[in-house]
């Protein structure tokens, strides 16, 4: 088969993608802009892609394409109906980064909760060494024990985060955006109740018409002023302009973001002007990218191609 990997760099140089040569000739591109896609896949039978647009504009002249494999769980970048009309199978990868994203959620939470930027600088600046006391806790910090952890999106990652929160002694509540999730493990609440009751809110839901701008200024005004907001899902779930306003006006205590409305961060995003790492931490959409997760991802794509060749619809989302 003729296979084209459009965004090799999106998986990292340390992950071996030569395994795809088991299935035929493979062309690797470090990165591909949308206006380069059509030319690069015109002779491909299998396209492996992460964020590049897969739609009529990019696929119309790629008459041989039979399978699109995603280096991702989400398929926002794929026109599924068009692919279905062409008989092109689209296969994603699920549950490969659950542990990594859940871990990062709590890394950000603890970073903010324990005021680690302040205390790290306190020591490294020499201030600690110049004092007489053995300790310093000038900036009070709190425990997770006994707090309420609110989750938006109780899928695989949300459930993993819930278990970790329980391990820290939190009471877990959740909001089902679609109303279809009725997990008996945790208390399901309405959106306003989650906003008002939670000491921490972590977002793990997909991006859809129901979740775009779900967390706007009005929502943040309903949160506790001591609450932390954590978004490891999709950037547009949280209105970035409104979050800036909420943080600057003290509507919430702080926020941890691994995702933004536009990525990479744009010069006009006001969140980039907040230099106070005790109030806001932003990481560059990397919570999913542990070495283990990226290795699993590459192998799962391999298995998707293998299954397709054998006539199986493994992880196919559109046929």
C-alpha atoms as a PDB file:
ATOM      1  CA  UNK A   1       0.000   0.000   0.000  1.00  0.00           C
ATOM      2  CA  UNK A   2       1.009   3.602  -0.508  1.00  0.00           C
ATOM      3  CA  UNK A   3       0.948   5.294   2.906  1.00  0.00           C
ATOM      4  CA  UNK A   4       1.482   8.981   3.667  1.00  0.00           C
ATOM      5  CA  UNK A   5       2.232  10.262   7.176  1.00  0.00           C
ATOM      6  CA  UNK A   6       1.431  13.963   7.121  1.00  0.00           C
ATOM      7  CA  UNK A   7       2.564  15.086  10.594  1.00  0.00           C
ATOM      8  CA  UNK A   8       5.378  12.906  11.878  1.00  0.00           C
ATOM      9  CA  UNK A   9       6.616  15.652  14.228  1.00  0.00           C
ATOM     10  CA  UNK A  10       3.266  15.655  16.013  1.00  0.00           C
ATOM     11  CA  UNK A  11       4.235  12.311  17.556  1.00  0.00           C
ATOM     12  CA  UNK A  12       7.855  13.247  18.259  1.00  0.00           C
ATOM     13  CA  UNK A  13      11.260  12.205  16.994  1.00  0.00           C
ATOM     14  CA  UNK A  14      11.677   9.663  19.779  1.00  0.00           C
ATOM     15  CA  UNK A  15       8.811   7.421  18.601  1.00  0.00           C
ATOM     16  CA  UNK A  16       9.571   4.828  15.910  1.00  0.00           C
ATOM     17  CA  UNK A  17       7.150   5.189  13.014  1.00  0.00           C
ATOM     18  CA  UNK A  18       9.126   2.972  10.652  1.00  0.00           C
ATOM     19  CA  UNK A  19       6.780   0.130  11.671  1.00  0.00           C
ATOM     20  CA  UNK A  20       4.300   1.296   9.029  1.00  0.00           C
ATOM     21  CA  UNK A  21       6.681   0.121   6.329  1.00  0.00           C
ATOM     22  CA  UNK A  22       5.392  -3.376   7.122  1.00  0.00           C
ATOM     23  CA  UNK A  23       2.386  -2.458   4.988  1.00  0.00           C
ATOM     24  CA  UNK A  24       4.086  -0.914   1.965  1.00  0.00           C
ATOM     25  CA  UNK A  25       5.755   2.286   0.795  1.00  0.00           C
ATOM     26  CA  UNK A  26       5.594   5.104   3.321  1.00  0.00           C
ATOM     27  CA  UNK A  27       6.247   8.806   2.772  1.00  0.00           C
ATOM     28  CA  UNK A  28       6.907  10.799   5.942  1.00  0.00           C
ATOM     29  CA  UNK A  29       6.423  14.544   6.310  1.00  0.00           C
ATOM     30  CA  UNK A  30       7.494  16.351   9.485  1.00  0.00           C
ATOM     31  CA  UNK A  31       4.516  18.673   9.235  1.00  0.00           C
ATOM     32  CA  UNK A  32       1.934  19.554   6.603  1.00  0.00           C
ATOM     33  CA  UNK A  33      -0.064  22.749   6.194  1.00  0.00           C
ATOM     34  CA  UNK A  34      -3.635  22.481   4.972  1.00  0.00           C
ATOM     35  CA  UNK A  35      -2.790  23.961   1.579  1.00  0.00           C
ATOM     36  CA  UNK A  36      -0.124  21.246   1.096  1.00  0.00           C
ATOM     37  CA  UNK A  37      -2.338  18.261   1.895  1.00  0.00           C
ATOM     38  CA  UNK A  38      -4.042  17.734  -1.460  1.00  0.00           C
ATOM     39  CA  UNK A  39      -0.761  17.472  -3.351  1.00  0.00           C
ATOM     40  CA  UNK A  40       0.885  15.205  -0.802  1.00  0.00           C
ATOM     41  CA  UNK A  41      -1.934  12.631  -0.638  1.00  0.00           C
ATOM     42  CA  UNK A  42      -2.929  12.509  -4.318  1.00  0.00           C
ATOM     43  CA  UNK A  43      -1.498   8.988  -4.761  1.00  0.00           C
ATOM     44  CA  UNK A  44      -2.039   7.719  -1.201  1.00  0.00           C
ATOM     45  CA  UNK A  45      -4.160   4.736  -0.225  1.00  0.00           C
ATOM     46  CA  UNK A  46      -3.721   5.312   3.501  1.00  0.00           C
ATOM     47  CA  UNK A  47      -3.350   8.749   5.084  1.00  0.00           C
ATOM     48  CA  UNK A  48      -2.075   9.079   8.641  1.00  0.00           C
ATOM     49  CA  UNK A  49      -2.904  12.496  10.043  1.00  0.00           C
ATOM     50  CA  UNK A  50      -3.270  14.339  13.337  1.00  0.00           C
ATOM     51  CA  UNK A  51      -4.790  17.807  12.887  1.00  0.00           C
ATOM     52  CA  UNK A  52      -4.691  18.341   9.120  1.00  0.00           C
ATOM     53  CA  UNK A  53      -8.025  18.962   7.392  1.00  0.00           C
ATOM     54  CA  UNK A  54      -9.585  15.897   5.805  1.00  0.00           C
ATOM     55  CA  UNK A  55     -12.491  17.140   3.695  1.00  0.00           C
ATOM     56  CA  UNK A  56     -13.687  17.468   0.133  1.00  0.00           C
ATOM     57  CA  UNK A  57     -11.188  20.230  -0.628  1.00  0.00           C
ATOM     58  CA  UNK A  58      -8.173  18.150   0.407  1.00  0.00           C
ATOM     59  CA  UNK A  59      -9.477  14.720  -0.657  1.00  0.00           C
ATOM     60  CA  UNK A  60     -11.326  15.319  -3.927  1.00  0.00           C
ATOM     61  CA  UNK A  61      -8.314  14.506  -6.117  1.00  0.00           C
ATOM     62  CA  UNK A  62      -7.033  11.708  -3.873  1.00  0.00           C
ATOM     63  CA  UNK A  63      -8.958   8.999  -5.692  1.00  0.00           C
ATOM     64  CA  UNK A  64      -7.037   6.069  -4.205  1.00  0.00           C
ATOM     65  CA  UNK A  65      -7.531   6.868  -0.514  1.00  0.00           C
ATOM     66  CA  UNK A  66      -9.256   4.011   1.306  1.00  0.00           C
ATOM     67  CA  UNK A  67      -8.341   4.702   4.922  1.00  0.00           C
ATOM     68  CA  UNK A  68      -7.608   7.735   7.072  1.00  0.00           C
ATOM     69  CA  UNK A  69      -5.882   6.920  10.362  1.00  0.00           C
ATOM     70  CA  UNK A  70      -5.865   9.561  13.051  1.00  0.00           C
ATOM     71  CA  UNK A  71      -3.039  10.133  15.485  1.00  0.00           C
ATOM     72  CA  UNK A  72      -5.811  11.216  17.847  1.00  0.00           C
ATOM     73  CA  UNK A  73      -9.099  10.364  19.511  1.00  0.00           C
ATOM     74  CA  UNK A  74     -10.978  13.420  18.289  1.00  0.00           C
ATOM     75  CA  UNK A  75     -11.926  13.801  14.644  1.00  0.00           C
ATOM     76  CA  UNK A  76     -12.973  17.460  14.493  1.00  0.00           C
ATOM     77  CA  UNK A  77     -10.690  17.889  11.480  1.00  0.00           C
ATOM     78  CA  UNK A  78     -12.430  15.208   9.405  1.00  0.00           C
ATOM     79  CA  UNK A  79     -15.586  15.577   7.323  1.00  0.00           C
ATOM     80  CA  UNK A  80     -17.016  12.180   8.224  1.00  0.00           C
ATOM     81  CA  UNK A  81     -20.010  12.433   5.914  1.00  0.00           C
ATOM     82  CA  UNK A  82     -17.866  13.246   2.901  1.00  0.00           C
ATOM     83  CA  UNK A  83     -15.533  10.374   3.705  1.00  0.00           C
ATOM     84  CA  UNK A  84     -18.516   8.055   4.076  1.00  0.00           C
ATOM     85  CA  UNK A  85     -19.866   9.160   0.697  1.00  0.00           C
ATOM     86  CA  UNK A  86     -16.504   8.203  -0.803  1.00  0.00           C
ATOM     87  CA  UNK A  87     -16.278   4.915   1.094  1.00  0.00           C
ATOM     88  CA  UNK A  88     -13.189   6.124   2.945  1.00  0.00           C
ATOM     89  CA  UNK A  89     -12.870   4.563   6.381  1.00  0.00           C
ATOM     90  CA  UNK A  90     -11.793   6.858   9.230  1.00  0.00           C
ATOM     91  CA  UNK A  91     -10.169   5.213  12.251  1.00  0.00           C
ATOM     92  CA  UNK A  92      -9.237   6.955  15.483  1.00  0.00           C
ATOM     93  CA  UNK A  93      -7.420   5.810  18.621  1.00  0.00           C
ATOM     94  CA  UNK A  94      -9.184   5.764  21.974  1.00  0.00           C
ATOM     95  CA  UNK A  95      -7.935   5.594  25.546  1.00  0.00           C
ATOM     96  CA  UNK A  96      -4.231   5.861  24.709  1.00  0.00           C
ATOM     97  CA  UNK A  97      -3.558   8.964  26.820  1.00  0.00           C
ATOM     98  CA  UNK A  98      -6.050   8.571  29.672  1.00  0.00           C
ATOM     99  CA  UNK A  99      -3.380   8.133  32.348  1.00  0.00           C
ATOM    100  CA  UNK A 100      -1.239  10.980  31.005  1.00  0.00           C
ATOM    101  CA  UNK A 101      -4.040  13.560  30.804  1.00  0.00           C
ATOM    102  CA  UNK A 102      -5.447  12.668  34.204  1.00  0.00           C
ATOM    103  CA  UNK A 103      -1.958  12.903  35.709  1.00  0.00           C
ATOM    104  CA  UNK A 104      -1.407  16.332  34.150  1.00  0.00           C
ATOM    105  CA  UNK A 105      -4.734  17.544  35.520  1.00  0.00           C
ATOM    106  CA  UNK A 106      -3.515  16.975  39.053  1.00  0.00           C
ATOM    107  CA  UNK A 107      -0.013  18.229  38.328  1.00  0.00           C
ATOM    108  CA  UNK A 108      -1.541  21.609  37.444  1.00  0.00           C
ATOM    109  CA  UNK A 109      -3.965  21.514  40.366  1.00  0.00           C
ATOM    110  CA  UNK A 110      -1.239  20.833  42.920  1.00  0.00           C
ATOM    111  CA  UNK A 111       1.088  23.381  41.334  1.00  0.00           C
ATOM    112  CA  UNK A 112      -1.537  26.066  41.897  1.00  0.00           C
ATOM    113  CA  UNK A 113      -3.010  24.778  45.152  1.00  0.00           C
ATOM    114  CA  UNK A 114       0.312  24.577  46.985  1.00  0.00           C
ATOM    115  CA  UNK A 115       1.614  27.850  45.524  1.00  0.00           C
ATOM    116  CA  UNK A 116       4.682  26.044  44.269  1.00  0.00           C
ATOM    117  CA  UNK A 117       5.940  28.907  42.043  1.00  0.00           C
ATOM    118  CA  UNK A 118       6.205  31.166  45.099  1.00  0.00           C
ATOM    119  CA  UNK A 119       7.934  28.624  47.315  1.00  0.00           C
ATOM    120  CA  UNK A 120      10.326  27.436  44.617  1.00  0.00           C
ATOM    121  CA  UNK A 121      11.388  31.028  43.970  1.00  0.00           C
ATOM    122  CA  UNK A 122      11.567  31.691  47.704  1.00  0.00           C
ATOM    123  CA  UNK A 123      14.302  29.104  48.044  1.00  0.00           C
ATOM    124  CA  UNK A 124      16.140  29.780  44.782  1.00  0.00           C
ATOM    125  CA  UNK A 125      16.208  33.548  45.326  1.00  0.00           C
ATOM    126  CA  UNK A 126      18.218  33.061  48.515  1.00  0.00           C
ATOM    127  CA  UNK A 127      15.464  34.398  50.765  1.00  0.00           C
ATOM    128  CA  UNK A 128      15.017  31.073  52.518  1.00  0.00           C
ATOM    129  CA  UNK A 129      18.729  30.706  53.186  1.00  0.00           C
ATOM    130  CA  UNK A 130      18.821  34.184  54.736  1.00  0.00           C
ATOM    131  CA  UNK A 131      16.063  33.560  57.267  1.00  0.00           C
ATOM    132  CA  UNK A 132      16.485  32.130  60.744  1.00  0.00           C
ATOM    133  CA  UNK A 133      13.393  29.877  60.809  1.00  0.00           C
ATOM    134  CA  UNK A 134      13.550  26.333  59.457  1.00  0.00           C
ATOM    135  CA  UNK A 135      10.294  26.771  57.514  1.00  0.00           C
ATOM    136  CA  UNK A 136       8.240  29.285  55.624  1.00  0.00           C
ATOM    137  CA  UNK A 137       4.525  29.253  54.867  1.00  0.00           C
ATOM    138  CA  UNK A 138       3.824  32.933  54.379  1.00  0.00           C
ATOM    139  CA  UNK A 139       1.371  32.123  51.599  1.00  0.00           C
ATOM    140  CA  UNK A 140      -1.254  29.762  53.043  1.00  0.00           C
ATOM    141  CA  UNK A 141      -2.176  26.670  51.057  1.00  0.00           C
ATOM    142  CA  UNK A 142      -4.941  24.103  51.395  1.00  0.00           C
ATOM    143  CA  UNK A 143      -5.455  20.356  51.230  1.00  0.00           C
ATOM    144  CA  UNK A 144      -7.401  18.365  48.654  1.00  0.00           C
ATOM    145  CA  UNK A 145      -8.818  16.242  51.453  1.00  0.00           C
ATOM    146  CA  UNK A 146     -12.472  17.061  52.068  1.00  0.00           C
ATOM    147  CA  UNK A 147     -12.886  19.287  49.005  1.00  0.00           C
ATOM    148  CA  UNK A 148     -15.438  18.890  46.218  1.00  0.00           C
ATOM    149  CA  UNK A 149     -14.039  17.987  42.802  1.00  0.00           C
ATOM    150  CA  UNK A 150     -16.391  18.718  39.898  1.00  0.00           C
ATOM    151  CA  UNK A 151     -15.953  16.977  36.567  1.00  0.00           C
ATOM    152  CA  UNK A 152     -17.397  18.005  33.210  1.00  0.00           C
ATOM    153  CA  UNK A 153     -17.305  14.968  30.942  1.00  0.00           C
ATOM    154  CA  UNK A 154     -17.186  11.615  32.711  1.00  0.00           C
ATOM    155  CA  UNK A 155     -15.608   9.594  29.906  1.00  0.00           C
ATOM    156  CA  UNK A 156     -12.427   7.549  30.225  1.00  0.00           C
ATOM    157  CA  UNK A 157     -10.274  10.498  31.279  1.00  0.00           C
ATOM    158  CA  UNK A 158     -12.969  11.984  33.493  1.00  0.00           C
ATOM    159  CA  UNK A 159     -13.386   8.662  35.317  1.00  0.00           C
ATOM    160  CA  UNK A 160      -9.626   8.360  35.805  1.00  0.00           C
ATOM    161  CA  UNK A 161      -9.525  11.892  37.238  1.00  0.00           C
ATOM    162  CA  UNK A 162     -12.441  11.042  39.504  1.00  0.00           C
ATOM    163  CA  UNK A 163     -10.607   8.049  40.945  1.00  0.00           C
ATOM    164  CA  UNK A 164      -7.493  10.127  41.582  1.00  0.00           C
ATOM    165  CA  UNK A 165      -9.587  12.837  43.248  1.00  0.00           C
ATOM    166  CA  UNK A 166     -11.183  10.193  45.452  1.00  0.00           C
ATOM    167  CA  UNK A 167      -7.730   8.961  46.374  1.00  0.00           C
ATOM    168  CA  UNK A 168      -6.917  12.453  47.641  1.00  0.00           C
ATOM    169  CA  UNK A 169     -10.088  12.405  49.752  1.00  0.00           C
ATOM    170  CA  UNK A 170     -12.287  14.592  47.534  1.00  0.00           C
ATOM    171  CA  UNK A 171     -16.026  14.245  47.062  1.00  0.00           C
ATOM    172  CA  UNK A 172     -16.599  13.878  43.327  1.00  0.00           C
ATOM    173  CA  UNK A 173     -19.568  15.299  41.467  1.00  0.00           C
ATOM    174  CA  UNK A 174     -20.070  15.477  37.701  1.00  0.00           C
ATOM    175  CA  UNK A 175     -22.136  17.138  35.007  1.00  0.00           C
ATOM    176  CA  UNK A 176     -23.214  15.239  31.898  1.00  0.00           C
ATOM    177  CA  UNK A 177     -23.320  17.674  28.986  1.00  0.00           C
ATOM    178  CA  UNK A 178     -25.571  15.432  26.874  1.00  0.00           C
ATOM    179  CA  UNK A 179     -27.553  14.098  29.826  1.00  0.00           C
ATOM    180  CA  UNK A 180     -26.846  10.527  28.739  1.00  0.00           C
ATOM    181  CA  UNK A 181     -24.229   9.629  31.342  1.00  0.00           C
ATOM    182  CA  UNK A 182     -25.789   8.151  34.462  1.00  0.00           C
ATOM    183  CA  UNK A 183     -22.800   6.706  36.290  1.00  0.00           C
ATOM    184  CA  UNK A 184     -23.825   5.302  39.627  1.00  0.00           C
ATOM    185  CA  UNK A 185     -20.315   5.736  41.025  1.00  0.00           C
ATOM    186  CA  UNK A 186     -20.511   9.490  41.449  1.00  0.00           C
ATOM    187  CA  UNK A 187     -23.105  12.147  42.173  1.00  0.00           C
ATOM    188  CA  UNK A 188     -24.540  13.624  39.007  1.00  0.00           C
ATOM    189  CA  UNK A 189     -25.578  17.280  39.285  1.00  0.00           C
ATOM    190  CA  UNK A 190     -26.877  20.046  37.066  1.00  0.00           C
ATOM    191  CA  UNK A 191     -24.420  22.515  35.580  1.00  0.00           C
ATOM    192  CA  UNK A 192     -25.188  25.396  37.959  1.00  0.00           C
ATOM    193  CA  UNK A 193     -24.883  23.091  40.976  1.00  0.00           C
ATOM    194  CA  UNK A 194     -21.478  21.911  39.801  1.00  0.00           C
ATOM    195  CA  UNK A 195     -20.306  25.501  39.364  1.00  0.00           C
ATOM    196  CA  UNK A 196     -21.512  26.577  42.807  1.00  0.00           C
ATOM    197  CA  UNK A 197     -20.382  23.542  44.809  1.00  0.00           C
ATOM    198  CA  UNK A 198     -16.999  22.662  43.330  1.00  0.00           C
ATOM    199  CA  UNK A 199     -13.654  23.665  44.789  1.00  0.00           C
ATOM    200  CA  UNK A 200     -12.035  22.292  41.646  1.00  0.00           C
ATOM    201  CA  UNK A 201     -13.552  21.892  38.193  1.00  0.00           C
ATOM    202  CA  UNK A 202     -11.750  19.778  35.611  1.00  0.00           C
ATOM    203  CA  UNK A 203     -12.966  19.657  32.022  1.00  0.00           C
ATOM    204  CA  UNK A 204     -12.742  16.383  30.072  1.00  0.00           C
ATOM    205  CA  UNK A 205     -15.577  16.686  27.530  1.00  0.00           C
ATOM    206  CA  UNK A 206     -15.396  16.737  23.711  1.00  0.00           C
ATOM    207  CA  UNK A 207     -15.874  19.971  21.790  1.00  0.00           C
ATOM    208  CA  UNK A 208     -19.380  20.273  20.342  1.00  0.00           C
ATOM    209  CA  UNK A 209     -22.140  22.824  19.923  1.00  0.00           C
ATOM    210  CA  UNK A 210     -23.147  21.970  23.498  1.00  0.00           C
ATOM    211  CA  UNK A 211     -19.717  22.647  24.983  1.00  0.00           C
ATOM    212  CA  UNK A 212     -18.313  25.539  22.949  1.00  0.00           C
ATOM    213  CA  UNK A 213     -18.053  28.537  25.325  1.00  0.00           C
ATOM    214  CA  UNK A 214     -19.650  26.433  28.056  1.00  0.00           C
ATOM    215  CA  UNK A 215     -17.412  28.140  30.611  1.00  0.00           C
ATOM    216  CA  UNK A 216     -18.012  31.828  30.017  1.00  0.00           C
ATOM    217  CA  UNK A 217     -17.922  34.781  32.387  1.00  0.00           C
ATOM    218  CA  UNK A 218     -21.437  34.138  33.677  1.00  0.00           C
ATOM    219  CA  UNK A 219     -20.475  30.564  34.519  1.00  0.00           C
ATOM    220  CA  UNK A 220     -17.300  31.671  36.299  1.00  0.00           C
ATOM    221  CA  UNK A 221     -19.242  34.228  38.346  1.00  0.00           C
ATOM    222  CA  UNK A 222     -21.213  31.297  39.792  1.00  0.00           C
ATOM    223  CA  UNK A 223     -18.042  29.503  40.895  1.00  0.00           C
ATOM    224  CA  UNK A 224     -16.477  29.902  44.307  1.00  0.00           C
ATOM    225  CA  UNK A 225     -13.945  32.704  44.447  1.00  0.00           C
ATOM    226  CA  UNK A 226     -11.543  30.123  45.878  1.00  0.00           C
ATOM    227  CA  UNK A 227     -12.130  27.630  43.028  1.00  0.00           C
ATOM    228  CA  UNK A 228      -9.602  26.329  40.536  1.00  0.00           C
ATOM    229  CA  UNK A 229     -10.556  25.699  36.888  1.00  0.00           C
ATOM    230  CA  UNK A 230      -8.630  23.080  34.894  1.00  0.00           C
ATOM    231  CA  UNK A 231      -9.084  22.520  31.160  1.00  0.00           C
ATOM    232  CA  UNK A 232      -7.383  19.512  29.565  1.00  0.00           C
ATOM    233  CA  UNK A 233     -10.115  18.892  26.971  1.00  0.00           C
ATOM    234  CA  UNK A 234     -10.584  21.389  24.129  1.00  0.00           C
ATOM    235  CA  UNK A 235      -9.680  25.063  24.244  1.00  0.00           C
ATOM    236  CA  UNK A 236     -12.963  26.588  23.033  1.00  0.00           C
ATOM    237  CA  UNK A 237     -14.890  25.006  25.929  1.00  0.00           C
ATOM    238  CA  UNK A 238     -13.508  27.908  28.002  1.00  0.00           C
ATOM    239  CA  UNK A 239     -13.898  31.443  26.675  1.00  0.00           C
ATOM    240  CA  UNK A 240     -10.347  32.768  26.990  1.00  0.00           C
ATOM    241  CA  UNK A 241     -11.329  36.463  27.090  1.00  0.00           C
ATOM    242  CA  UNK A 242     -13.857  35.741  29.827  1.00  0.00           C
ATOM    243  CA  UNK A 243     -11.342  33.681  31.793  1.00  0.00           C
ATOM    244  CA  UNK A 244      -8.897  36.572  31.677  1.00  0.00           C
ATOM    245  CA  UNK A 245     -11.588  38.872  33.037  1.00  0.00           C
ATOM    246  CA  UNK A 246     -12.587  36.404  35.761  1.00  0.00           C
ATOM    247  CA  UNK A 247      -8.980  35.959  36.901  1.00  0.00           C
ATOM    248  CA  UNK A 248      -8.197  39.666  36.889  1.00  0.00           C
ATOM    249  CA  UNK A 249     -11.407  40.516  38.766  1.00  0.00           C
ATOM    250  CA  UNK A 250     -10.970  37.721  41.300  1.00  0.00           C
ATOM    251  CA  UNK A 251     -14.077  35.756  40.328  1.00  0.00           C
ATOM    252  CA  UNK A 252     -12.054  32.528  40.662  1.00  0.00           C
ATOM    253  CA  UNK A 253      -8.784  31.766  42.428  1.00  0.00           C
ATOM    254  CA  UNK A 254      -6.837  30.347  39.517  1.00  0.00           C
ATOM    255  CA  UNK A 255      -6.758  28.250  36.372  1.00  0.00           C
ATOM    256  CA  UNK A 256      -4.658  25.575  34.716  1.00  0.00           C
ATOM    257  CA  UNK A 257      -4.920  25.186  30.953  1.00  0.00           C
ATOM    258  CA  UNK A 258      -3.354  22.691  28.589  1.00  0.00           C
ATOM    259  CA  UNK A 259      -5.555  23.867  25.709  1.00  0.00           C
ATOM    260  CA  UNK A 260      -6.517  27.253  24.267  1.00  0.00           C
ATOM    261  CA  UNK A 261      -9.088  28.621  21.836  1.00  0.00           C
ATOM    262  CA  UNK A 262      -6.388  28.916  19.166  1.00  0.00           C
ATOM    263  CA  UNK A 263      -3.167  26.910  19.220  1.00  0.00           C
ATOM    264  CA  UNK A 264      -0.420  27.835  19.432  1.00  0.00           C
ATOM    265  CA  UNK A 265      -1.332  30.814  21.622  1.00  0.00           C
ATOM    266  CA  UNK A 266      -2.022  33.956  19.601  1.00  0.00           C
ATOM    267  CA  UNK A 267      -0.623  37.436  20.355  1.00  0.00           C
ATOM    268  CA  UNK A 268      -4.138  38.774  20.973  1.00  0.00           C
ATOM    269  CA  UNK A 269      -4.972  36.153  23.611  1.00  0.00           C
ATOM    270  CA  UNK A 270      -5.061  38.170  26.859  1.00  0.00           C
ATOM    271  CA  UNK A 271      -4.164  35.111  28.920  1.00  0.00           C
ATOM    272  CA  UNK A 272      -0.627  35.404  27.555  1.00  0.00           C
ATOM    273  CA  UNK A 273      -0.217  38.670  29.431  1.00  0.00           C
ATOM    274  CA  UNK A 274      -0.757  37.045  32.838  1.00  0.00           C
ATOM    275  CA  UNK A 275       2.734  36.346  34.145  1.00  0.00           C
ATOM    276  CA  UNK A 276       1.616  35.376  37.650  1.00  0.00           C
ATOM    277  CA  UNK A 277       2.097  31.609  37.743  1.00  0.00           C
ATOM    278  CA  UNK A 278       0.290  31.419  41.079  1.00  0.00           C
ATOM    279  CA  UNK A 279      -2.858  32.545  39.278  1.00  0.00           C
ATOM    280  CA  UNK A 280      -2.525  30.835  35.908  1.00  0.00           C
ATOM    281  CA  UNK A 281      -0.485  28.022  34.414  1.00  0.00           C
ATOM    282  CA  UNK A 282      -0.628  27.308  30.684  1.00  0.00           C
ATOM    283  CA  UNK A 283       1.067  24.309  29.102  1.00  0.00           C
ATOM    284  CA  UNK A 284       1.396  23.842  25.313  1.00  0.00           C
ATOM    285  CA  UNK A 285      -1.198  21.106  24.662  1.00  0.00           C
ATOM    286  CA  UNK A 286       1.138  18.418  25.950  1.00  0.00           C
ATOM    287  CA  UNK A 287      -0.856  16.607  28.636  1.00  0.00           C
ATOM    288  CA  UNK A 288      -1.536  13.729  26.220  1.00  0.00           C
ATOM    289  CA  UNK A 289       2.082  13.346  25.155  1.00  0.00           C
ATOM    290  CA  UNK A 290       3.851  11.170  27.710  1.00  0.00           C
ATOM    291  CA  UNK A 291       6.356   8.812  26.108  1.00  0.00           C
ATOM    292  CA  UNK A 292       4.140   5.871  26.977  1.00  0.00           C
ATOM    293  CA  UNK A 293       1.037   7.488  25.477  1.00  0.00           C
ATOM    294  CA  UNK A 294       2.744   8.378  22.197  1.00  0.00           C
ATOM    295  CA  UNK A 295       4.142   4.873  21.923  1.00  0.00           C
ATOM    296  CA  UNK A 296       0.678   3.406  22.465  1.00  0.00           C
ATOM    297  CA  UNK A 297      -0.721   5.801  19.871  1.00  0.00           C
ATOM    298  CA  UNK A 298       1.721   4.750  17.155  1.00  0.00           C
ATOM    299  CA  UNK A 299       1.082   1.069  17.839  1.00  0.00           C
ATOM    300  CA  UNK A 300      -2.697   1.511  17.830  1.00  0.00           C
ATOM    301  CA  UNK A 301      -2.526   3.178  14.410  1.00  0.00           C
ATOM    302  CA  UNK A 302      -0.464   0.205  13.216  1.00  0.00           C
ATOM    303  CA  UNK A 303      -3.182  -2.155  14.475  1.00  0.00           C
ATOM    304  CA  UNK A 304      -5.878  -0.071  12.771  1.00  0.00           C
ATOM    305  CA  UNK A 305      -4.118  -0.393   9.415  1.00  0.00           C
ATOM    306  CA  UNK A 306      -3.520  -4.109   9.948  1.00  0.00           C
ATOM    307  CA  UNK A 307      -7.186  -4.674  10.786  1.00  0.00           C
ATOM    308  CA  UNK A 308      -8.322  -2.714   7.725  1.00  0.00           C
ATOM    309  CA  UNK A 309      -6.142  -4.838   5.447  1.00  0.00           C
ATOM    310  CA  UNK A 310      -7.719  -7.916   7.029  1.00  0.00           C
ATOM    311  CA  UNK A 311     -11.217  -6.625   6.325  1.00  0.00           C
ATOM    312  CA  UNK A 312     -11.975  -5.533   9.905  1.00  0.00           C
ATOM    313  CA  UNK A 313     -13.428  -2.171  10.967  1.00  0.00           C
ATOM    314  CA  UNK A 314     -11.256  -1.617  14.027  1.00  0.00           C
ATOM    315  CA  UNK A 315     -11.948   1.833  15.578  1.00  0.00           C
ATOM    316  CA  UNK A 316     -13.662   2.965  12.368  1.00  0.00           C
ATOM    317  CA  UNK A 317     -15.967   5.859  13.261  1.00  0.00           C
ATOM    318  CA  UNK A 318     -17.855   6.564  10.061  1.00  0.00           C
ATOM    319  CA  UNK A 319     -18.794   3.338   8.210  1.00  0.00           C
END
